[in-house]
Amino acid sequence: MTLILAPIVTVVAVGLAIAAMLRVRRNAPDGGYFNDGDRAAGVFGVLATGFAILLGFVVFLAFESYDQSRSGAETEAVVVTQQFKTAQFMPDAVGGDLADGLVCYGRSVVEQEWPRMDTAAVSEGFNPWGVELFQVLERADPKTATEQTAFDKWFDQTTEREQARSDRIHGAEGVIPTAVWVALAFMALLIFSFMLFFADSGERAKTQALLIGSVVSVVAATLLLLWFLDNPYHGGGGTLEPTAMERTQEILAQERLLVGSRTPLPCTETGEPR
């Protein structure tokens, strides 16, 4: 849902609601369908309050998921940079391969995993370079105190990186169950239907349009916001992008030059194994 499409959907929903209200208003009695307006307003307040409470909890849940995905992506990128530095203190037999594998890991995240985030397909598998790093680490035989410390630190950082990746892809699956979406849609439809009974031929059309248009616009905008938070990787303005990992790729390219690494990487620019 892009920033351009969302307002269009809201405007269309409001337009249809106003058209429905004005259509019902033609045959509505003067003073409306309710003999007791205060009692009707009280019932509407109960409906609106129940909808607002449920919607508030769901929005909070969706925002937490969105923030978790954003934080996970940033943490994953930072840990990759830290592991690259740790690899420089690993035994010579594996240090270079680990450093190169991290560069390829970052490339695969940006070029392969991220495009699949909006389909949640990435959650069904694992990053192949994560497996490659583990296989390289099996060849490590740390002897000095520095190498042993780096070896131990690598495991801690690997755990952090894998947890951060899990947080990143968590948002791709969506956290709001279908049943909740059905309940929200039903309650929104119920509120809309109830609003139609406030049609009053004795009131001006502008007033009637404002009455239902304001309610529908708020409901539609909130539901669209909820959809956006529950789908943080579906294109459009404000969606999560691999900015942090792209920045990490630039940092690793500079650090490879600083440590004197000139060997070709075992992957392509898109993270595919050569």
Protein backbone atom coordinates (compact mmCIF):
# COMPACT_ATOMS: atom_id res chain seq x y z
CA MET A 1 0.00 0.00 0.00
CA THR A 2 1.83 3.10 -1.21
CA LEU A 3 1.47 6.61 0.15
CA ILE A 4 -0.40 7.53 -3.04
CA LEU A 5 -2.75 4.55 -3.05
CA ALA A 6 -3.74 4.83 0.62
CA PRO A 7 -5.34 8.30 0.29
CA ILE A 8 -7.09 7.16 -2.88
CA VAL A 9 -8.59 4.17 -1.07
CA THR A 10 -9.67 6.43 1.80
CA VAL A 11 -11.28 8.96 -0.54
CA VAL A 12 -13.11 6.22 -2.44
CA ALA A 13 -14.41 4.71 0.80
CA VAL A 14 -15.59 8.11 2.03
CA GLY A 15 -17.21 8.87 -1.33
CA LEU A 16 -19.14 5.60 -1.33
CA ALA A 17 -20.23 6.14 2.26
CA ILE A 18 -21.49 9.65 1.51
CA ALA A 19 -23.33 8.42 -1.59
CA ALA A 20 -24.99 5.70 0.48
CA MET A 21 -26.00 8.17 3.19
CA LEU A 22 -27.49 10.63 0.71
CA ARG A 23 -29.34 7.81 -1.01
CA VAL A 24 -30.88 6.66 2.28
CA ARG A 25 -31.61 10.30 3.23
CA ARG A 26 -34.04 10.65 0.31
CA ASN A 27 -36.54 8.33 1.97
CA ALA A 28 -35.62 9.06 5.57
CA PRO A 29 -38.23 10.74 7.80
CA ASP A 30 -37.70 14.24 9.07
CA GLY A 31 -35.78 13.86 12.33
CA GLY A 32 -34.24 10.52 11.37
CA TYR A 33 -35.18 6.91 12.02
CA PHE A 34 -34.56 7.12 15.76
CA ASN A 35 -37.26 8.51 18.03
CA ASP A 36 -34.74 8.88 20.86
CA GLY A 37 -31.50 10.34 19.50
CA ASP A 38 -29.71 10.16 22.86
CA ARG A 39 -30.38 6.44 23.18
CA ALA A 40 -29.14 5.86 19.62
CA ALA A 41 -26.03 7.90 20.32
CA GLY A 42 -25.38 5.79 23.41
CA VAL A 43 -25.61 2.56 21.43
CA PHE A 44 -23.31 4.00 18.77
CA GLY A 45 -20.87 4.98 21.52
CA VAL A 46 -20.74 1.38 22.73
CA LEU A 47 -20.07 0.12 19.18
CA ALA A 48 -17.42 2.74 18.52
CA THR A 49 -15.71 2.16 21.88
CA GLY A 50 -15.53 -1.60 21.38
CA PHE A 51 -14.07 -1.11 17.91
CA ALA A 52 -11.59 1.50 19.14
CA ILE A 53 -10.36 -0.67 22.04
CA LEU A 54 -9.78 -3.70 19.83
CA LEU A 55 -8.19 -1.58 17.13
CA GLY A 56 -5.90 0.10 19.65
CA PHE A 57 -4.55 -3.20 20.95
CA VAL A 58 -4.04 -4.54 17.43
CA VAL A 59 -2.26 -1.38 16.26
CA PHE A 60 0.05 -1.59 19.27
CA LEU A 61 0.83 -5.23 18.46
CA ALA A 62 1.49 -4.41 14.80
CA PHE A 63 3.72 -1.45 15.68
CA GLU A 64 5.79 -3.65 18.01
CA SER A 65 6.27 -6.14 15.19
CA TYR A 66 7.22 -3.35 12.78
CA ASP A 67 9.75 -1.92 15.24
CA GLN A 68 11.16 -5.37 15.95
CA SER A 69 11.77 -5.95 12.24
CA ARG A 70 13.44 -2.54 11.87
CA SER A 71 15.66 -3.09 14.93
CA GLY A 72 16.52 -6.61 13.79
CA ALA A 73 17.69 -5.39 10.38
CA GLU A 74 19.89 -2.71 11.95
CA THR A 75 21.33 -5.06 14.58
CA GLU A 76 22.08 -7.73 11.97
CA ALA A 77 24.06 -5.21 9.91
CA VAL A 78 26.04 -4.03 12.94
CA VAL A 79 26.89 -7.59 14.03
CA VAL A 80 28.13 -8.46 10.52
CA THR A 81 30.58 -5.55 10.78
CA GLN A 82 31.69 -6.70 14.22
CA GLN A 83 32.20 -10.26 13.05
CA PHE A 84 34.34 -9.04 10.16
CA LYS A 85 36.67 -7.45 12.69
CA THR A 86 36.65 -10.57 14.85
CA ALA A 87 37.61 -12.64 11.80
CA GLN A 88 40.89 -10.72 11.57
CA PHE A 89 42.02 -12.32 14.85
CA MET A 90 41.03 -15.86 13.88
CA PRO A 91 43.62 -18.42 12.69
CA ASP A 92 45.04 -17.57 9.28
CA ALA A 93 43.61 -20.77 7.83
CA VAL A 94 40.04 -19.55 8.27
CA GLY A 95 40.18 -15.81 8.98
CA GLY A 96 40.15 -14.70 5.36
CA ASP A 97 37.39 -17.13 4.38
CA LEU A 98 35.22 -15.99 7.28
CA ALA A 99 35.68 -12.33 6.38
CA ASP A 100 34.84 -12.96 2.72
CA GLY A 101 31.86 -15.08 3.71
CA LEU A 102 30.46 -12.20 5.74
CA VAL A 103 30.67 -9.89 2.74
CA CYS A 104 28.77 -12.44 0.69
CA TYR A 105 26.26 -12.86 3.50
CA GLY A 106 25.53 -9.12 3.42
CA ARG A 107 25.18 -9.15 -0.35
CA SER A 108 22.72 -12.03 -0.27
CA VAL A 109 20.63 -10.25 2.37
CA VAL A 110 20.36 -7.12 0.23
CA GLU A 111 20.03 -8.66 -3.22
CA GLN A 112 18.29 -12.00 -2.58
CA GLU A 113 16.49 -12.04 0.75
CA TRP A 114 15.08 -8.53 0.78
CA PRO A 115 13.20 -8.79 -2.54
CA ARG A 116 11.45 -11.88 -1.13
CA MET A 117 10.53 -10.28 2.19
CA ASP A 118 7.13 -9.09 0.95
CA THR A 119 6.13 -12.69 0.19
CA ALA A 120 7.38 -14.11 3.51
CA ALA A 121 9.22 -16.74 1.43
CA VAL A 122 12.51 -15.89 3.13
CA SER A 123 11.20 -17.26 6.43
CA GLU A 124 10.92 -20.72 4.90
CA GLY A 125 14.67 -21.17 4.49
CA PHE A 126 18.06 -20.07 5.71
CA ASN A 127 20.84 -17.92 4.40
CA PRO A 128 23.30 -20.24 2.57
CA TRP A 129 26.24 -18.09 3.60
CA GLY A 130 25.35 -18.62 7.24
CA VAL A 131 25.84 -22.35 6.65
CA GLU A 132 29.06 -21.67 4.74
CA LEU A 133 30.44 -19.65 7.65
CA PHE A 134 29.73 -22.52 10.03
CA GLN A 135 31.48 -25.01 7.77
CA VAL A 136 34.53 -22.77 7.53
CA LEU A 137 34.58 -22.38 11.30
CA GLU A 138 34.78 -26.16 11.71
CA ARG A 139 38.28 -25.99 10.22
CA ALA A 140 39.46 -23.50 12.83
CA ASP A 141 42.14 -24.65 15.29
CA PRO A 142 42.86 -21.69 17.59
CA LYS A 143 46.15 -21.99 19.43
CA THR A 144 47.06 -18.57 20.83
CA ALA A 145 45.09 -16.75 23.51
CA THR A 146 44.05 -14.12 20.96
CA GLU A 147 42.77 -16.72 18.53
CA GLN A 148 40.90 -18.55 21.29
CA THR A 149 39.26 -15.33 22.46
CA ALA A 150 38.25 -14.47 18.90
CA PHE A 151 36.91 -18.01 18.42
CA ASP A 152 34.71 -17.74 21.51
CA LYS A 153 33.57 -14.24 20.60
CA TRP A 154 32.58 -15.43 17.12
CA PHE A 155 30.02 -17.84 18.56
CA ASP A 156 28.45 -15.10 20.66
CA GLN A 157 28.23 -12.77 17.66
CA THR A 158 26.79 -15.54 15.49
CA THR A 159 24.00 -16.02 18.00
CA GLU A 160 23.30 -12.28 17.96
CA ARG A 161 23.29 -12.20 14.16
CA GLU A 162 20.92 -15.15 13.85
CA GLN A 163 18.56 -13.66 16.44
CA ALA A 164 18.63 -10.32 14.63
CA ARG A 165 17.84 -12.07 11.34
CA SER A 166 14.94 -13.84 13.00
CA ASP A 167 13.62 -10.48 14.22
CA ARG A 168 14.02 -9.01 10.73
CA ILE A 169 12.01 -11.69 8.97
CA HIS A 170 9.42 -11.83 11.75
CA GLY A 171 7.54 -8.90 10.27
CA ALA A 172 7.40 -10.51 6.83
CA GLU A 173 4.95 -13.12 8.09
CA GLY A 174 2.49 -10.65 9.63
CA VAL A 175 1.38 -10.89 13.24
CA ILE A 176 -2.35 -10.17 12.95
CA PRO A 177 -4.42 -13.37 12.60
CA THR A 178 -7.05 -13.61 9.89
CA ALA A 179 -9.75 -13.90 12.54
CA VAL A 180 -8.83 -10.48 13.90
CA TRP A 181 -9.02 -8.94 10.43
CA VAL A 182 -12.47 -10.51 9.97
CA ALA A 183 -13.61 -9.15 13.33
CA LEU A 184 -12.35 -5.66 12.52
CA ALA A 185 -14.01 -5.70 9.11
CA PHE A 186 -17.30 -6.87 10.63
CA MET A 187 -17.24 -4.17 13.30
CA ALA A 188 -16.37 -1.48 10.75
CA LEU A 189 -19.27 -2.61 8.54
CA LEU A 190 -21.59 -2.63 11.54
CA ILE A 191 -20.63 0.93 12.46
CA PHE A 192 -21.16 2.04 8.86
CA SER A 193 -24.59 0.39 8.74
CA PHE A 194 -25.57 1.97 12.05
CA MET A 195 -24.50 5.38 10.77
CA LEU A 196 -26.93 5.06 7.84
CA PHE A 197 -29.83 5.08 10.30
CA PHE A 198 -28.82 8.60 11.29
CA ALA A 199 -30.00 9.71 7.84
CA ASP A 200 -32.33 12.67 8.28
CA SER A 201 -34.19 14.36 5.44
CA GLY A 202 -34.62 17.41 7.64
CA GLU A 203 -30.87 18.07 7.78
CA ARG A 204 -28.86 19.57 4.97
CA ALA A 205 -27.00 17.19 2.70
CA LYS A 206 -23.65 18.73 3.63
CA THR A 207 -24.24 18.00 7.29
CA GLN A 208 -25.21 14.41 6.55
CA ALA A 209 -22.17 13.96 4.32
CA LEU A 210 -19.88 15.34 7.03
CA LEU A 211 -21.51 13.09 9.61
CA ILE A 212 -20.75 9.80 7.90
CA GLY A 213 -17.68 10.96 5.94
CA SER A 214 -15.71 11.87 9.06
CA VAL A 215 -16.44 8.52 10.71
CA VAL A 216 -15.62 6.44 7.63
CA SER A 217 -12.43 8.40 6.91
CA VAL A 218 -11.10 7.75 10.42
CA VAL A 219 -11.98 4.05 10.28
CA ALA A 220 -10.51 3.60 6.79
CA ALA A 221 -7.30 5.50 7.57
CA THR A 222 -6.75 3.51 10.77
CA LEU A 223 -7.30 0.17 9.05
CA LEU A 224 -4.88 1.18 6.29
CA LEU A 225 -2.30 2.16 8.92
CA LEU A 226 -2.78 -1.22 10.57
CA TRP A 227 -2.26 -2.99 7.24
CA PHE A 228 0.91 -0.99 6.64
CA LEU A 229 2.38 -1.87 10.07
CA ASP A 230 1.53 -5.53 9.56
CA ASN A 231 3.21 -5.57 6.12
CA PRO A 232 6.44 -3.55 6.56
CA TYR A 233 8.10 -4.97 3.43
CA HIS A 234 5.35 -4.29 0.88
CA GLY A 235 6.74 -1.51 -1.36
CA GLY A 236 5.88 2.13 -1.04
CA GLY A 237 6.94 5.04 1.11
CA GLY A 238 7.85 4.19 4.69
CA THR A 239 8.46 0.48 4.11
CA LEU A 240 11.61 -1.08 5.52
CA GLU A 241 14.61 -1.05 3.20
CA PRO A 242 18.05 -2.75 3.54
CA THR A 243 19.71 0.60 4.22
CA ALA A 244 21.69 -0.62 7.23
CA MET A 245 23.10 -3.67 5.40
CA GLU A 246 23.92 -1.56 2.33
CA ARG A 247 25.87 0.77 4.58
CA THR A 248 27.62 -2.25 6.08
CA GLN A 249 28.63 -3.38 2.60
CA GLU A 250 30.35 -0.06 2.01
CA ILE A 251 32.14 -0.33 5.36
CA LEU A 252 33.32 -3.88 4.69
CA ALA A 253 34.63 -2.89 1.26
CA GLN A 254 36.78 -0.22 2.89
CA GLU A 255 37.94 -2.52 5.69
CA ARG A 256 38.98 -5.20 3.20
CA LEU A 257 41.31 -2.66 1.65
CA LEU A 258 42.65 -1.63 5.05
CA VAL A 259 43.53 -5.21 6.02
CA GLY A 260 45.14 -5.79 2.64
CA SER A 261 42.63 -8.33 1.32
CA ARG A 262 42.83 -8.44 -2.46
CA THR A 263 41.58 -11.95 -3.17
CA PRO A 264 38.40 -12.31 -5.27
CA LEU A 265 35.25 -12.86 -3.26
CA PRO A 266 33.60 -16.30 -3.51
CA CYS A 267 30.33 -14.69 -4.62
CA THR A 268 28.89 -12.41 -7.24
CA GLU A 269 27.61 -8.88 -6.64
CA THR A 270 24.22 -10.35 -5.81
CA GLY A 271 25.56 -12.88 -3.30
CA GLU A 272 25.38 -15.91 -5.57
CA PRO A 273 28.22 -18.45 -5.06
CA ARG A 274 30.76 -18.41 -7.85
